[in-house]
C-alpha atoms as a PDB file:
ATOM      1  CA  UNK A   1     -23.896  40.302 -45.160  1.00  0.00           C
ATOM      2  CA  UNK A   2     -20.430  38.778 -44.681  1.00  0.00           C
ATOM      3  CA  UNK A   3     -19.950  40.955 -41.612  1.00  0.00           C
ATOM      4  CA  UNK A   4     -22.920  39.324 -39.886  1.00  0.00           C
ATOM      5  CA  UNK A   5     -21.590  35.833 -40.573  1.00  0.00           C
ATOM      6  CA  UNK A   6     -18.175  36.787 -39.258  1.00  0.00           C
ATOM      7  CA  UNK A   7     -19.695  38.273 -36.102  1.00  0.00           C
ATOM      8  CA  UNK A   8     -21.824  35.166 -35.611  1.00  0.00           C
ATOM      9  CA  UNK A   9     -18.772  32.933 -36.030  1.00  0.00           C
ATOM     10  CA  UNK A  10     -16.747  34.957 -33.536  1.00  0.00           C
ATOM     11  CA  UNK A  11     -19.592  34.868 -30.991  1.00  0.00           C
ATOM     12  CA  UNK A  12     -19.915  31.110 -31.496  1.00  0.00           C
ATOM     13  CA  UNK A  13     -16.182  30.554 -30.962  1.00  0.00           C
ATOM     14  CA  UNK A  14     -16.099  32.838 -27.904  1.00  0.00           C
ATOM     15  CA  UNK A  15     -19.060  31.103 -26.251  1.00  0.00           C
ATOM     16  CA  UNK A  16     -17.682  27.612 -26.763  1.00  0.00           C
ATOM     17  CA  UNK A  17     -14.134  28.790 -25.984  1.00  0.00           C
ATOM     18  CA  UNK A  18     -15.182  30.047 -22.555  1.00  0.00           C
ATOM     19  CA  UNK A  19     -17.132  26.838 -21.926  1.00  0.00           C
ATOM     20  CA  UNK A  20     -14.048  24.816 -22.862  1.00  0.00           C
ATOM     21  CA  UNK A  21     -11.809  26.895 -20.555  1.00  0.00           C
ATOM     22  CA  UNK A  22     -14.258  26.438 -17.650  1.00  0.00           C
ATOM     23  CA  UNK A  23     -14.383  22.684 -18.318  1.00  0.00           C
ATOM     24  CA  UNK A  24     -10.570  22.490 -18.250  1.00  0.00           C
ATOM     25  CA  UNK A  25     -10.481  24.458 -14.976  1.00  0.00           C
ATOM     26  CA  UNK A  26     -13.001  22.083 -13.348  1.00  0.00           C
ATOM     27  CA  UNK A  27     -10.996  19.031 -14.501  1.00  0.00           C
ATOM     28  CA  UNK A  28      -7.769  20.579 -13.163  1.00  0.00           C
ATOM     29  CA  UNK A  29      -9.383  21.240  -9.767  1.00  0.00           C
ATOM     30  CA  UNK A  30     -10.749  17.696  -9.555  1.00  0.00           C
ATOM     31  CA  UNK A  31      -7.343  16.293 -10.508  1.00  0.00           C
ATOM     32  CA  UNK A  32      -5.608  18.366  -7.814  1.00  0.00           C
ATOM     33  CA  UNK A  33      -7.990  16.945  -5.188  1.00  0.00           C
ATOM     34  CA  UNK A  34      -7.075  13.390  -6.259  1.00  0.00           C
ATOM     35  CA  UNK A  35     -10.463  12.402  -7.653  1.00  0.00           C
ATOM     36  CA  UNK A  36      -8.814  10.606 -10.569  1.00  0.00           C
ATOM     37  CA  UNK A  37      -6.319   8.690  -8.368  1.00  0.00           C
ATOM     38  CA  UNK A  38      -7.359   4.996  -8.312  1.00  0.00           C
ATOM     39  CA  UNK A  39      -5.298   4.368  -5.143  1.00  0.00           C
ATOM     40  CA  UNK A  40      -7.782   6.447  -3.212  1.00  0.00           C
ATOM     41  CA  UNK A  41     -10.539   3.898  -3.865  1.00  0.00           C
ATOM     42  CA  UNK A  42      -8.479   0.773  -3.098  1.00  0.00           C
ATOM     43  CA  UNK A  43      -8.794  -0.743   0.356  1.00  0.00           C
ATOM     44  CA  UNK A  44      -6.230  -2.207   2.693  1.00  0.00           C
ATOM     45  CA  UNK A  45      -5.712  -5.950   2.561  1.00  0.00           C
ATOM     46  CA  UNK A  46      -3.548  -8.652   4.049  1.00  0.00           C
ATOM     47  CA  UNK A  47      -3.170 -11.903   2.117  1.00  0.00           C
ATOM     48  CA  UNK A  48      -1.375 -14.822   3.801  1.00  0.00           C
ATOM     49  CA  UNK A  49      -2.077 -18.499   4.037  1.00  0.00           C
ATOM     50  CA  UNK A  50      -5.352 -19.122   5.927  1.00  0.00           C
ATOM     51  CA  UNK A  51      -3.617 -20.319   9.091  1.00  0.00           C
ATOM     52  CA  UNK A  52      -1.707 -17.032   9.468  1.00  0.00           C
ATOM     53  CA  UNK A  53      -4.302 -14.324   9.941  1.00  0.00           C
ATOM     54  CA  UNK A  54      -3.581 -10.613  10.116  1.00  0.00           C
ATOM     55  CA  UNK A  55      -4.494  -8.918  13.372  1.00  0.00           C
ATOM     56  CA  UNK A  56      -3.119  -5.437  12.720  1.00  0.00           C
ATOM     57  CA  UNK A  57      -0.847  -3.588  10.315  1.00  0.00           C
ATOM     58  CA  UNK A  58       0.534  -0.076  10.073  1.00  0.00           C
ATOM     59  CA  UNK A  59       2.912   1.951   7.919  1.00  0.00           C
ATOM     60  CA  UNK A  60       4.082   5.373   9.065  1.00  0.00           C
ATOM     61  CA  UNK A  61       5.108   8.252   6.833  1.00  0.00           C
ATOM     62  CA  UNK A  62       8.674   7.770   8.157  1.00  0.00           C
ATOM     63  CA  UNK A  63       8.801   4.213   6.756  1.00  0.00           C
ATOM     64  CA  UNK A  64       8.110   2.251   9.952  1.00  0.00           C
ATOM     65  CA  UNK A  65       6.193  -0.927   9.098  1.00  0.00           C
ATOM     66  CA  UNK A  66       4.478  -3.116  11.683  1.00  0.00           C
ATOM     67  CA  UNK A  67       2.484  -6.323  11.195  1.00  0.00           C
ATOM     68  CA  UNK A  68       0.891  -8.654  13.750  1.00  0.00           C
ATOM     69  CA  UNK A  69      -0.162 -12.141  12.636  1.00  0.00           C
ATOM     70  CA  UNK A  70      -1.983 -14.851  14.550  1.00  0.00           C
ATOM     71  CA  UNK A  71      -0.461 -18.348  14.544  1.00  0.00           C
ATOM     72  CA  UNK A  72      -3.346 -20.597  13.566  1.00  0.00           C
ATOM     73  CA  UNK A  73      -1.101 -23.489  12.476  1.00  0.00           C
ATOM     74  CA  UNK A  74      -1.982 -25.481  15.603  1.00  0.00           C
ATOM     75  CA  UNK A  75       1.577 -25.981  16.856  1.00  0.00           C
ATOM     76  CA  UNK A  76       4.417 -23.932  18.242  1.00  0.00           C
ATOM     77  CA  UNK A  77       6.713 -22.479  15.608  1.00  0.00           C
ATOM     78  CA  UNK A  78      10.136 -20.882  15.802  1.00  0.00           C
ATOM     79  CA  UNK A  79      10.612 -17.914  13.480  1.00  0.00           C
ATOM     80  CA  UNK A  80      14.060 -18.050  11.883  1.00  0.00           C
ATOM     81  CA  UNK A  81      13.758 -14.837   9.879  1.00  0.00           C
ATOM     82  CA  UNK A  82      11.670 -12.497   7.809  1.00  0.00           C
ATOM     83  CA  UNK A  83      12.366 -10.265   4.840  1.00  0.00           C
ATOM     84  CA  UNK A  84      10.223  -7.647   3.200  1.00  0.00           C
ATOM     85  CA  UNK A  85       9.995  -6.166  -0.280  1.00  0.00           C
ATOM     86  CA  UNK A  86       8.364  -2.757  -0.749  1.00  0.00           C
ATOM     87  CA  UNK A  87       6.728  -3.128  -4.146  1.00  0.00           C
ATOM     88  CA  UNK A  88       6.134   0.592  -4.817  1.00  0.00           C
ATOM     89  CA  UNK A  89       9.793   1.658  -4.526  1.00  0.00           C
ATOM     90  CA  UNK A  90      11.488  -1.632  -5.360  1.00  0.00           C
ATOM     91  CA  UNK A  91      13.361  -2.009  -2.047  1.00  0.00           C
ATOM     92  CA  UNK A  92      14.151  -5.701  -1.683  1.00  0.00           C
ATOM     93  CA  UNK A  93      15.211  -7.992   1.159  1.00  0.00           C
ATOM     94  CA  UNK A  94      14.716  -5.482   3.964  1.00  0.00           C
ATOM     95  CA  UNK A  95      15.456  -7.474   7.104  1.00  0.00           C
ATOM     96  CA  UNK A  96      12.792  -7.306   9.786  1.00  0.00           C
ATOM     97  CA  UNK A  97      12.736  -7.721  13.534  1.00  0.00           C
ATOM     98  CA  UNK A  98      10.414 -10.583  14.282  1.00  0.00           C
ATOM     99  CA  UNK A  99       9.273 -12.389  17.410  1.00  0.00           C
ATOM    100  CA  UNK A 100      11.380 -15.521  17.952  1.00  0.00           C
ATOM    101  CA  UNK A 101       8.575 -18.019  18.490  1.00  0.00           C
ATOM    102  CA  UNK A 102       4.795 -18.257  18.484  1.00  0.00           C
ATOM    103  CA  UNK A 103       2.568 -20.532  20.504  1.00  0.00           C
ATOM    104  CA  UNK A 104      -0.581 -21.931  18.879  1.00  0.00           C
ATOM    105  CA  UNK A 105      -3.037 -19.024  18.552  1.00  0.00           C
ATOM    106  CA  UNK A 106      -0.193 -16.714  19.663  1.00  0.00           C
ATOM    107  CA  UNK A 107       1.007 -13.625  17.892  1.00  0.00           C
ATOM    108  CA  UNK A 108       3.841 -13.114  15.438  1.00  0.00           C
ATOM    109  CA  UNK A 109       5.093  -9.515  15.434  1.00  0.00           C
ATOM    110  CA  UNK A 110       7.069  -8.158  12.472  1.00  0.00           C
ATOM    111  CA  UNK A 111       8.693  -4.688  12.490  1.00  0.00           C
ATOM    112  CA  UNK A 112      10.828  -3.090   9.787  1.00  0.00           C
ATOM    113  CA  UNK A 113      12.090   0.298   8.649  1.00  0.00           C
ATOM    114  CA  UNK A 114      12.004   1.287   4.978  1.00  0.00           C
ATOM    115  CA  UNK A 115      14.242   4.042   3.646  1.00  0.00           C
ATOM    116  CA  UNK A 116      12.597   6.531   1.331  1.00  0.00           C
ATOM    117  CA  UNK A 117      15.167   9.347   1.332  1.00  0.00           C
ATOM    118  CA  UNK A 118      12.617  11.517   3.136  1.00  0.00           C
ATOM    119  CA  UNK A 119       9.076  10.623   4.033  1.00  0.00           C
ATOM    120  CA  UNK A 120       6.219   8.678   2.520  1.00  0.00           C
ATOM    121  CA  UNK A 121       3.126  10.676   1.582  1.00  0.00           C
ATOM    122  CA  UNK A 122       0.168  10.410   3.950  1.00  0.00           C
ATOM    123  CA  UNK A 123      -2.769   8.206   2.886  1.00  0.00           C
ATOM    124  CA  UNK A 124      -0.962   6.477   0.023  1.00  0.00           C
ATOM    125  CA  UNK A 125      -1.410   2.747  -0.361  1.00  0.00           C
ATOM    126  CA  UNK A 126       1.878   0.851   0.036  1.00  0.00           C
ATOM    127  CA  UNK A 127       2.211  -2.815  -0.889  1.00  0.00           C
ATOM    128  CA  UNK A 128       4.690  -4.931   1.049  1.00  0.00           C
ATOM    129  CA  UNK A 129       5.603  -8.534   0.254  1.00  0.00           C
ATOM    130  CA  UNK A 130       6.405 -10.317   3.518  1.00  0.00           C
ATOM    131  CA  UNK A 131       8.401 -13.585   3.516  1.00  0.00           C
ATOM    132  CA  UNK A 132       8.617 -15.535   6.782  1.00  0.00           C
ATOM    133  CA  UNK A 133      10.927 -18.468   7.475  1.00  0.00           C
ATOM    134  CA  UNK A 134       9.975 -20.772  10.358  1.00  0.00           C
ATOM    135  CA  UNK A 135      10.515 -24.220  11.866  1.00  0.00           C
ATOM    136  CA  UNK A 136       7.956 -26.418  13.556  1.00  0.00           C
ATOM    137  CA  UNK A 137       8.980 -27.275  17.112  1.00  0.00           C
ATOM    138  CA  UNK A 138      10.707 -30.660  17.128  1.00  0.00           C
ATOM    139  CA  UNK A 139      11.387 -30.571  13.385  1.00  0.00           C
ATOM    140  CA  UNK A 140      14.582 -29.589  11.610  1.00  0.00           C
ATOM    141  CA  UNK A 141      12.823 -28.625   8.401  1.00  0.00           C
ATOM    142  CA  UNK A 142      12.566 -24.918   7.624  1.00  0.00           C
ATOM    143  CA  UNK A 143       9.401 -23.695   5.918  1.00  0.00           C
ATOM    144  CA  UNK A 144       8.839 -20.485   4.014  1.00  0.00           C
ATOM    145  CA  UNK A 145       5.585 -18.653   3.533  1.00  0.00           C
ATOM    146  CA  UNK A 146       4.880 -15.273   2.029  1.00  0.00           C
ATOM    147  CA  UNK A 147       2.032 -12.859   1.709  1.00  0.00           C
ATOM    148  CA  UNK A 148       1.200  -9.384   0.472  1.00  0.00           C
ATOM    149  CA  UNK A 149       0.073  -6.547   2.714  1.00  0.00           C
ATOM    150  CA  UNK A 150      -1.510  -3.416   1.255  1.00  0.00           C
ATOM    151  CA  UNK A 151      -1.600  -0.745   3.951  1.00  0.00           C
ATOM    152  CA  UNK A 152      -2.352   2.972   3.880  1.00  0.00           C
ATOM    153  CA  UNK A 153       0.337   5.244   5.321  1.00  0.00           C
ATOM    154  CA  UNK A 154      -0.485   7.260   8.396  1.00  0.00           C
ATOM    155  CA  UNK A 155       1.222   9.553  10.847  1.00  0.00           C
END
C-alpha cells in the first residue's frame, strides 16, 4: 500500500514540476522580448514653458540629439547659450550648438552630441534636461528656462 502512495506522490511532483518548468520558460521568453520593460510603454514627451513649443526632436544611437522649438514669446530673443543633462547616464552640462536668435514664431534649433563610450540602444527612451539662456531684444537681462525632453532613440 505504501508503494502506491509513493508512486502517486512521484507522479504528482513530476506533473507539477513539468508545469512549473514550462511556466518558467514562458516567463523567460516574455522577458527576453521586453514585455516586462516599462520603458516600452512610455511615450515621447517635450515639456517646456507654454510659449516654447516643441516642433521636432530626435536622438540617434550615436548620441546625436536635435531639438527644434517654436518661439511663441511674441518678441525677438537672442539665445546666449544652452546646456543639456542626459538623465539616464548622468552626463551634465553638455554644451549645445544653438541658433543665435529667434524671431517671433521663429524656430530655435538645438544640437548636441552625447558620449556613451559606444552606442545607445535602439528604441530606448532617453530623458534630456534642456536649459536655455536668452535675452529679449533691447533688454540687458538674461533669462533662463528649462524643460525635459523624453525621446526614443533611432538610427
